[in-house]
Amino acid sequence: MMLRLFVAVLLLRVAESVRDGEMELILVQGIWRHGDRSPTKTFPSDPFQDGNWTFGGGGFGQLSPIGMKQHMNLGKLLRSAYVDTGFLAQRYSSKEIYIRSTDVNRTIISAMSNLLGMYSVNNGASIPGVDYPDEPGWPTGYVPVAIHTVDDDTDYIGNPDAVCARQDKLWAMAKSSPELQAFQNRTDQLHANSTLRQVNKWFSDDLFNQMTVINDRVELYQNGIFSELLKPC
């Protein structure tokens, strides 16, 4: 499964760091998955196809209102941890925080929801006409925060399936390293006395792989056929 995430990097000047005894906090790097979403795919006979999923813009893989709420609440917790303690300013500052997301709707909207909890639910600290437009129709207190992203095919941080020659080379080097080979030898010893293959001559790696495929298919049927009918948002 492809992981989709966004990264929040909070940058502070040393003068604004927070001390706790002998420890001094000067940088926070946070990584999160997206919130609750619709399925990203299903099987042909599933009664719930792409058009049945209407929330978050509609279709497969979209963030649900539950997911938006999850990240707004997470943003509130982050505000409590880093704003209320003085590590970050009460109002949003582009010099203090940088947000990056994978180029996918559900992660971008997760990031937006997260920042909504951090800076738009701030007990009136933000200033109309400075942090957001003082105009009728603009949500009161809503502070827009930039969400940065890059093309999915070249996102070597957030997309683990991006084609990267250097990644392949480093992985090949790692697999041939003495440290990894020694680790594999230790794990092999765990199965040295295993009698599974000795007693059950019919068992093989190929059979195990086929069983895994069947199990995954059964889970898809269970999650699709026995789901309750979708309720309109």
C-alpha atoms as a PDB file:
ATOM      1  CA  MET A   1       0.000   0.000   0.000  1.00  0.00           C
ATOM      2  CA  MET A   2       1.332   3.391  -0.924  1.00  0.00           C
ATOM      3  CA  LEU A   3       1.752   5.631   2.093  1.00  0.00           C
ATOM      4  CA  ARG A   4       0.395   9.138   1.712  1.00  0.00           C
ATOM      5  CA  LEU A   5       1.464  11.692   4.249  1.00  0.00           C
ATOM      6  CA  PHE A   6       2.293  15.272   4.888  1.00  0.00           C
ATOM      7  CA  VAL A   7       5.190  16.729   6.816  1.00  0.00           C
ATOM      8  CA  ALA A   8       5.068  19.693   9.162  1.00  0.00           C
ATOM      9  CA  VAL A   9       8.443  21.291   9.812  1.00  0.00           C
ATOM     10  CA  LEU A  10       8.436  23.899  12.554  1.00  0.00           C
ATOM     11  CA  LEU A  11      11.471  26.183  12.391  1.00  0.00           C
ATOM     12  CA  LEU A  12      12.376  28.506  15.257  1.00  0.00           C
ATOM     13  CA  ARG A  13      15.257  30.828  15.981  1.00  0.00           C
ATOM     14  CA  VAL A  14      17.402  29.611  18.874  1.00  0.00           C
ATOM     15  CA  ALA A  15      16.394  32.704  20.844  1.00  0.00           C
ATOM     16  CA  GLU A  16      12.812  31.486  20.779  1.00  0.00           C
ATOM     17  CA  SER A  17      13.590  27.922  21.838  1.00  0.00           C
ATOM     18  CA  VAL A  18      11.978  26.328  24.872  1.00  0.00           C
ATOM     19  CA  ARG A  19      14.058  24.930  27.719  1.00  0.00           C
ATOM     20  CA  ASP A  20      13.132  22.021  29.952  1.00  0.00           C
ATOM     21  CA  GLY A  21      15.865  21.511  32.495  1.00  0.00           C
ATOM     22  CA  GLU A  22      19.025  20.911  30.476  1.00  0.00           C
ATOM     23  CA  MET A  23      17.132  20.146  27.256  1.00  0.00           C
ATOM     24  CA  GLU A  24      16.515  22.882  24.686  1.00  0.00           C
ATOM     25  CA  LEU A  25      13.889  22.445  21.965  1.00  0.00           C
ATOM     26  CA  ILE A  26      14.875  24.285  18.779  1.00  0.00           C
ATOM     27  CA  LEU A  27      13.228  22.259  15.977  1.00  0.00           C
ATOM     28  CA  VAL A  28      10.223  19.988  15.528  1.00  0.00           C
ATOM     29  CA  GLN A  29       9.695  17.760  12.501  1.00  0.00           C
ATOM     30  CA  GLY A  30       6.317  16.040  12.440  1.00  0.00           C
ATOM     31  CA  ILE A  31       5.073  13.423   9.973  1.00  0.00           C
ATOM     32  CA  TRP A  32       1.434  12.297   9.735  1.00  0.00           C
ATOM     33  CA  ARG A  33      -0.769  10.132   7.585  1.00  0.00           C
ATOM     34  CA  HIS A  34      -4.006  11.519   6.174  1.00  0.00           C
ATOM     35  CA  GLY A  35      -7.290  11.182   8.052  1.00  0.00           C
ATOM     36  CA  ASP A  36     -10.255   8.874   7.436  1.00  0.00           C
ATOM     37  CA  ARG A  37     -10.942   8.412   3.715  1.00  0.00           C
ATOM     38  CA  SER A  38     -13.044   6.512   1.216  1.00  0.00           C
ATOM     39  CA  PRO A  39     -11.541   3.313  -0.304  1.00  0.00           C
ATOM     40  CA  THR A  40      -8.932   3.829  -3.003  1.00  0.00           C
ATOM     41  CA  LYS A  41     -10.230   0.908  -5.103  1.00  0.00           C
ATOM     42  CA  THR A  42     -12.566  -2.078  -5.035  1.00  0.00           C
ATOM     43  CA  PHE A  43     -13.549  -5.159  -7.034  1.00  0.00           C
ATOM     44  CA  PRO A  44     -15.883  -5.079 -10.091  1.00  0.00           C
ATOM     45  CA  SER A  45     -18.916  -6.659  -8.376  1.00  0.00           C
ATOM     46  CA  ASP A  46     -18.818  -4.362  -5.343  1.00  0.00           C
ATOM     47  CA  PRO A  47     -22.148  -2.458  -5.183  1.00  0.00           C
ATOM     48  CA  PHE A  48     -20.249   0.583  -3.881  1.00  0.00           C
ATOM     49  CA  GLN A  49     -18.257   1.930  -6.812  1.00  0.00           C
ATOM     50  CA  ASP A  50     -16.523   5.278  -7.339  1.00  0.00           C
ATOM     51  CA  GLY A  51     -19.770   7.205  -7.816  1.00  0.00           C
ATOM     52  CA  ASN A  52     -21.228   5.962  -4.518  1.00  0.00           C
ATOM     53  CA  TRP A  53     -18.626   7.808  -2.475  1.00  0.00           C
ATOM     54  CA  THR A  54     -19.785  11.419  -2.346  1.00  0.00           C
ATOM     55  CA  PHE A  55     -17.896  13.069   0.496  1.00  0.00           C
ATOM     56  CA  GLY A  56     -14.680  15.063   0.146  1.00  0.00           C
ATOM     57  CA  GLY A  57     -15.383  15.961  -3.473  1.00  0.00           C
ATOM     58  CA  GLY A  58     -16.539  12.468  -4.394  1.00  0.00           C
ATOM     59  CA  GLY A  59     -14.825   9.337  -5.644  1.00  0.00           C
ATOM     60  CA  PHE A  60     -12.259   6.897  -4.364  1.00  0.00           C
ATOM     61  CA  GLY A  61      -9.555   7.952  -1.939  1.00  0.00           C
ATOM     62  CA  GLN A  62     -11.087  11.236  -0.765  1.00  0.00           C
ATOM     63  CA  LEU A  63     -10.858  12.593   2.772  1.00  0.00           C
ATOM     64  CA  SER A  64     -14.108  12.230   4.696  1.00  0.00           C
ATOM     65  CA  PRO A  65     -15.579  14.783   7.135  1.00  0.00           C
ATOM     66  CA  ILE A  66     -14.441  12.407   9.881  1.00  0.00           C
ATOM     67  CA  GLY A  67     -10.892  12.655   8.540  1.00  0.00           C
ATOM     68  CA  MET A  68     -11.122  16.450   8.439  1.00  0.00           C
ATOM     69  CA  LYS A  69     -12.281  16.480  12.053  1.00  0.00           C
ATOM     70  CA  GLN A  70      -9.478  14.117  13.073  1.00  0.00           C
ATOM     71  CA  HIS A  71      -6.847  16.465  11.707  1.00  0.00           C
ATOM     72  CA  MET A  72      -8.485  19.604  13.063  1.00  0.00           C
ATOM     73  CA  ASN A  73      -8.386  18.001  16.519  1.00  0.00           C
ATOM     74  CA  LEU A  74      -4.754  17.026  15.971  1.00  0.00           C
ATOM     75  CA  GLY A  75      -4.030  20.644  15.056  1.00  0.00           C
ATOM     76  CA  LYS A  76      -5.590  21.759  18.346  1.00  0.00           C
ATOM     77  CA  LEU A  77      -3.320  19.354  20.217  1.00  0.00           C
ATOM     78  CA  LEU A  78      -0.291  20.688  18.347  1.00  0.00           C
ATOM     79  CA  ARG A  79      -1.298  24.231  19.237  1.00  0.00           C
ATOM     80  CA  SER A  80      -1.529  23.218  22.881  1.00  0.00           C
ATOM     81  CA  ALA A  81       1.897  21.561  22.717  1.00  0.00           C
ATOM     82  CA  TYR A  82       3.844  24.164  20.733  1.00  0.00           C
ATOM     83  CA  VAL A  83       1.910  27.453  20.658  1.00  0.00           C
ATOM     84  CA  ASP A  84       0.512  27.618  24.168  1.00  0.00           C
ATOM     85  CA  THR A  85       3.959  26.707  25.549  1.00  0.00           C
ATOM     86  CA  GLY A  86       5.621  29.603  23.715  1.00  0.00           C
ATOM     87  CA  PHE A  87       7.604  27.595  21.172  1.00  0.00           C
ATOM     88  CA  LEU A  88       5.542  29.061  18.320  1.00  0.00           C
ATOM     89  CA  ALA A  89       3.941  32.489  18.183  1.00  0.00           C
ATOM     90  CA  GLN A  90       0.231  32.871  18.897  1.00  0.00           C
ATOM     91  CA  ARG A  91      -0.336  34.008  15.304  1.00  0.00           C
ATOM     92  CA  TYR A  92       0.785  32.169  12.176  1.00  0.00           C
ATOM     93  CA  SER A  93       4.241  33.186  10.930  1.00  0.00           C
ATOM     94  CA  SER A  94       5.629  31.922   7.632  1.00  0.00           C
ATOM     95  CA  LYS A  95       9.127  32.197   9.147  1.00  0.00           C
ATOM     96  CA  GLU A  96       8.282  29.670  11.828  1.00  0.00           C
ATOM     97  CA  ILE A  97       6.457  26.856  10.106  1.00  0.00           C
ATOM     98  CA  TYR A  98       6.669  25.033   6.778  1.00  0.00           C
ATOM     99  CA  ILE A  99       4.104  22.476   5.626  1.00  0.00           C
ATOM    100  CA  ARG A 100       4.664  19.945   2.866  1.00  0.00           C
ATOM    101  CA  SER A 101       2.187  17.375   1.595  1.00  0.00           C
ATOM    102  CA  THR A 102       2.183  14.677  -1.016  1.00  0.00           C
ATOM    103  CA  ASP A 103       0.320  15.788  -4.150  1.00  0.00           C
ATOM    104  CA  VAL A 104      -2.888  13.941  -3.285  1.00  0.00           C
ATOM    105  CA  ASN A 105      -6.253  15.477  -2.369  1.00  0.00           C
ATOM    106  CA  ARG A 106      -6.681  13.620   0.917  1.00  0.00           C
ATOM    107  CA  THR A 107      -3.262  14.596   2.251  1.00  0.00           C
ATOM    108  CA  ILE A 108      -3.489  18.227   1.162  1.00  0.00           C
ATOM    109  CA  ILE A 109      -6.923  18.613   2.772  1.00  0.00           C
ATOM    110  CA  SER A 110      -5.648  16.784   5.867  1.00  0.00           C
ATOM    111  CA  ALA A 111      -2.901  19.395   6.115  1.00  0.00           C
ATOM    112  CA  MET A 112      -5.425  22.218   5.647  1.00  0.00           C
ATOM    113  CA  SER A 113      -7.630  20.754   8.382  1.00  0.00           C
ATOM    114  CA  ASN A 114      -4.635  20.376  10.679  1.00  0.00           C
ATOM    115  CA  LEU A 115      -3.618  24.008  10.239  1.00  0.00           C
ATOM    116  CA  LEU A 116      -7.224  25.054  10.776  1.00  0.00           C
ATOM    117  CA  GLY A 117      -6.968  23.561  14.254  1.00  0.00           C
ATOM    118  CA  MET A 118      -3.588  25.164  14.918  1.00  0.00           C
ATOM    119  CA  TYR A 119      -4.194  28.728  13.774  1.00  0.00           C
ATOM    120  CA  SER A 120      -7.878  29.350  13.089  1.00  0.00           C
ATOM    121  CA  VAL A 121      -9.154  28.094  16.433  1.00  0.00           C
ATOM    122  CA  ASN A 122      -6.889  30.422  18.382  1.00  0.00           C
ATOM    123  CA  ASN A 123      -9.140  32.316  20.786  1.00  0.00           C
ATOM    124  CA  GLY A 124      -9.023  35.485  18.719  1.00  0.00           C
ATOM    125  CA  ALA A 125      -5.234  35.847  18.471  1.00  0.00           C
ATOM    126  CA  SER A 126      -5.318  36.351  14.690  1.00  0.00           C
ATOM    127  CA  ILE A 127      -5.995  39.877  13.424  1.00  0.00           C
ATOM    128  CA  PRO A 128      -8.693  40.652  10.816  1.00  0.00           C
ATOM    129  CA  GLY A 129      -7.269  42.560   7.868  1.00  0.00           C
ATOM    130  CA  VAL A 130      -3.766  41.269   8.679  1.00  0.00           C
ATOM    131  CA  ASP A 131      -3.959  37.496   9.023  1.00  0.00           C
ATOM    132  CA  TYR A 132      -7.146  37.086   6.999  1.00  0.00           C
ATOM    133  CA  PRO A 133      -9.529  39.351   5.025  1.00  0.00           C
ATOM    134  CA  ASP A 134     -11.943  41.449   7.035  1.00  0.00           C
ATOM    135  CA  GLU A 135     -14.693  40.817   4.514  1.00  0.00           C
ATOM    136  CA  PRO A 136     -18.276  39.534   4.769  1.00  0.00           C
ATOM    137  CA  GLY A 137     -18.426  35.905   3.715  1.00  0.00           C
ATOM    138  CA  TRP A 138     -14.875  35.062   4.825  1.00  0.00           C
ATOM    139  CA  PRO A 139     -15.033  32.527   7.691  1.00  0.00           C
ATOM    140  CA  THR A 140     -14.291  34.494  10.851  1.00  0.00           C
ATOM    141  CA  GLY A 141     -10.829  33.705  12.148  1.00  0.00           C
ATOM    142  CA  TYR A 142      -9.870  31.418   9.250  1.00  0.00           C
ATOM    143  CA  VAL A 143      -6.151  31.916   8.569  1.00  0.00           C
ATOM    144  CA  PRO A 144      -4.991  30.384   5.247  1.00  0.00           C
ATOM    145  CA  VAL A 145      -1.640  28.624   5.560  1.00  0.00           C
ATOM    146  CA  ALA A 146       0.394  27.592   2.502  1.00  0.00           C
ATOM    147  CA  ILE A 147       0.639  23.845   1.836  1.00  0.00           C
ATOM    148  CA  HIS A 148       3.660  23.019  -0.324  1.00  0.00           C
ATOM    149  CA  THR A 149       3.947  19.955  -2.553  1.00  0.00           C
ATOM    150  CA  VAL A 150       5.857  18.519  -5.508  1.00  0.00           C
ATOM    151  CA  ASP A 151       4.916  16.269  -8.415  1.00  0.00           C
ATOM    152  CA  ASP A 152       4.046  12.793  -7.162  1.00  0.00           C
ATOM    153  CA  ASP A 153       6.470  11.042  -9.526  1.00  0.00           C
ATOM    154  CA  THR A 154       9.415  13.035  -8.157  1.00  0.00           C
ATOM    155  CA  ASP A 155       8.357  13.118  -4.508  1.00  0.00           C
ATOM    156  CA  TYR A 156      11.221  11.122  -3.030  1.00  0.00           C
ATOM    157  CA  ILE A 157      10.217  12.057   0.521  1.00  0.00           C
ATOM    158  CA  GLY A 158       6.505  11.322   0.626  1.00  0.00           C
ATOM    159  CA  ASN A 159       6.020   8.755  -2.146  1.00  0.00           C
ATOM    160  CA  PRO A 160       7.884   5.515  -1.363  1.00  0.00           C
ATOM    161  CA  ASP A 161       6.989   4.155  -4.812  1.00  0.00           C
ATOM    162  CA  ALA A 162       8.637   7.005  -6.718  1.00  0.00           C
ATOM    163  CA  VAL A 163      11.281   5.692  -9.137  1.00  0.00           C
ATOM    164  CA  CYS A 164      14.652   6.651  -7.700  1.00  0.00           C
ATOM    165  CA  ALA A 165      17.878   5.137  -9.030  1.00  0.00           C
ATOM    166  CA  ARG A 166      19.808   6.260  -5.963  1.00  0.00           C
ATOM    167  CA  GLN A 167      17.292   4.588  -3.660  1.00  0.00           C
ATOM    168  CA  ASP A 168      17.675   1.311  -5.569  1.00  0.00           C
ATOM    169  CA  LYS A 169      21.455   1.584  -5.398  1.00  0.00           C
ATOM    170  CA  LEU A 170      21.472   2.290  -1.666  1.00  0.00           C
ATOM    171  CA  TRP A 171      19.058  -0.591  -1.025  1.00  0.00           C
ATOM    172  CA  ALA A 172      21.299  -2.954  -3.003  1.00  0.00           C
ATOM    173  CA  MET A 173      24.283  -1.767  -0.959  1.00  0.00           C
ATOM    174  CA  ALA A 174      22.358  -2.264   2.273  1.00  0.00           C
ATOM    175  CA  LYS A 175      21.360  -5.832   1.378  1.00  0.00           C
ATOM    176  CA  SER A 176      24.967  -6.737   0.657  1.00  0.00           C
ATOM    177  CA  SER A 177      26.332  -5.112   3.813  1.00  0.00           C
ATOM    178  CA  PRO A 178      27.881  -7.340   6.502  1.00  0.00           C
ATOM    179  CA  GLU A 179      25.531  -5.864   9.107  1.00  0.00           C
ATOM    180  CA  LEU A 180      22.349  -6.852   7.252  1.00  0.00           C
ATOM    181  CA  GLN A 181      23.708 -10.273   6.325  1.00  0.00           C
ATOM    182  CA  ALA A 182      24.592 -10.896   9.969  1.00  0.00           C
ATOM    183  CA  PHE A 183      21.066  -9.875  10.984  1.00  0.00           C
ATOM    184  CA  GLN A 184      19.542 -12.210   8.406  1.00  0.00           C
ATOM    185  CA  ASN A 185      21.711 -15.052   9.678  1.00  0.00           C
ATOM    186  CA  ARG A 186      20.401 -14.442  13.201  1.00  0.00           C
ATOM    187  CA  THR A 187      16.785 -14.522  12.040  1.00  0.00           C
ATOM    188  CA  ASP A 188      17.464 -17.677  10.018  1.00  0.00           C
ATOM    189  CA  GLN A 189      18.481 -19.384  13.248  1.00  0.00           C
ATOM    190  CA  LEU A 190      14.965 -18.847  14.582  1.00  0.00           C
ATOM    191  CA  HIS A 191      13.708 -21.291  11.946  1.00  0.00           C
ATOM    192  CA  ALA A 192      16.590 -23.741  12.175  1.00  0.00           C
ATOM    193  CA  ASN A 193      14.497 -26.243  14.105  1.00  0.00           C
ATOM    194  CA  SER A 194      11.228 -25.556  12.300  1.00  0.00           C
ATOM    195  CA  THR A 195       9.450 -28.752  11.267  1.00  0.00           C
ATOM    196  CA  LEU A 196       6.770 -27.140   9.086  1.00  0.00           C
ATOM    197  CA  ARG A 197       8.424 -28.096   5.815  1.00  0.00           C
ATOM    198  CA  GLN A 198       9.656 -31.421   7.124  1.00  0.00           C
ATOM    199  CA  VAL A 199       6.250 -32.640   8.306  1.00  0.00           C
ATOM    200  CA  ASN A 200       4.223 -30.967   5.547  1.00  0.00           C
ATOM    201  CA  LYS A 201       6.050 -31.765   2.333  1.00  0.00           C
ATOM    202  CA  TRP A 202       3.323 -30.022   0.322  1.00  0.00           C
ATOM    203  CA  PHE A 203       4.087 -26.614   1.891  1.00  0.00           C
ATOM    204  CA  SER A 204       6.163 -24.209  -0.213  1.00  0.00           C
ATOM    205  CA  ASP A 205       6.837 -20.495  -0.655  1.00  0.00           C
ATOM    206  CA  ASP A 206       4.708 -20.504  -3.797  1.00  0.00           C
ATOM    207  CA  LEU A 207       1.768 -22.004  -1.904  1.00  0.00           C
ATOM    208  CA  PHE A 208       2.156 -19.447   0.870  1.00  0.00           C
ATOM    209  CA  ASN A 209       2.112 -16.600  -1.667  1.00  0.00           C
ATOM    210  CA  GLN A 210      -1.060 -17.997  -3.260  1.00  0.00           C
ATOM    211  CA  MET A 211      -2.711 -18.254   0.159  1.00  0.00           C
ATOM    212  CA  THR A 212      -1.825 -14.618   0.831  1.00  0.00           C
ATOM    213  CA  VAL A 213      -3.439 -13.503  -2.441  1.00  0.00           C
ATOM    214  CA  ILE A 214      -6.619 -15.449  -1.619  1.00  0.00           C
ATOM    215  CA  ASN A 215      -6.745 -13.990   1.889  1.00  0.00           C
ATOM    216  CA  ASP A 216      -6.399 -10.443   0.535  1.00  0.00           C
ATOM    217  CA  ARG A 217      -9.196 -11.087  -1.953  1.00  0.00           C
ATOM    218  CA  VAL A 218     -11.501 -12.414   0.788  1.00  0.00           C
ATOM    219  CA  GLU A 219     -10.890  -9.255   2.833  1.00  0.00           C
ATOM    220  CA  LEU A 220     -11.896  -7.121  -0.146  1.00  0.00           C
ATOM    221  CA  TYR A 221     -15.170  -9.011  -0.496  1.00  0.00           C
ATOM    222  CA  GLN A 222     -15.873  -8.745   3.227  1.00  0.00           C
ATOM    223  CA  ASN A 223     -15.195  -5.004   3.304  1.00  0.00           C
ATOM    224  CA  GLY A 224     -17.301  -4.359   0.205  1.00  0.00           C
ATOM    225  CA  ILE A 225     -20.317  -6.653   0.251  1.00  0.00           C
ATOM    226  CA  PHE A 226     -21.078  -6.394   3.959  1.00  0.00           C
ATOM    227  CA  SER A 227     -20.664  -2.617   4.263  1.00  0.00           C
ATOM    228  CA  GLU A 228     -23.722  -0.621   5.214  1.00  0.00           C
ATOM    229  CA  LEU A 229     -25.330   1.589   2.600  1.00  0.00           C
ATOM    230  CA  LEU A 230     -23.696   4.983   2.394  1.00  0.00           C
ATOM    231  CA  LYS A 231     -25.583   7.858   3.958  1.00  0.00           C
ATOM    232  CA  PRO A 232     -25.485  11.243   2.210  1.00  0.00           C
ATOM    233  CA  CYS A 233     -23.291  13.800   3.954  1.00  0.00           C
END
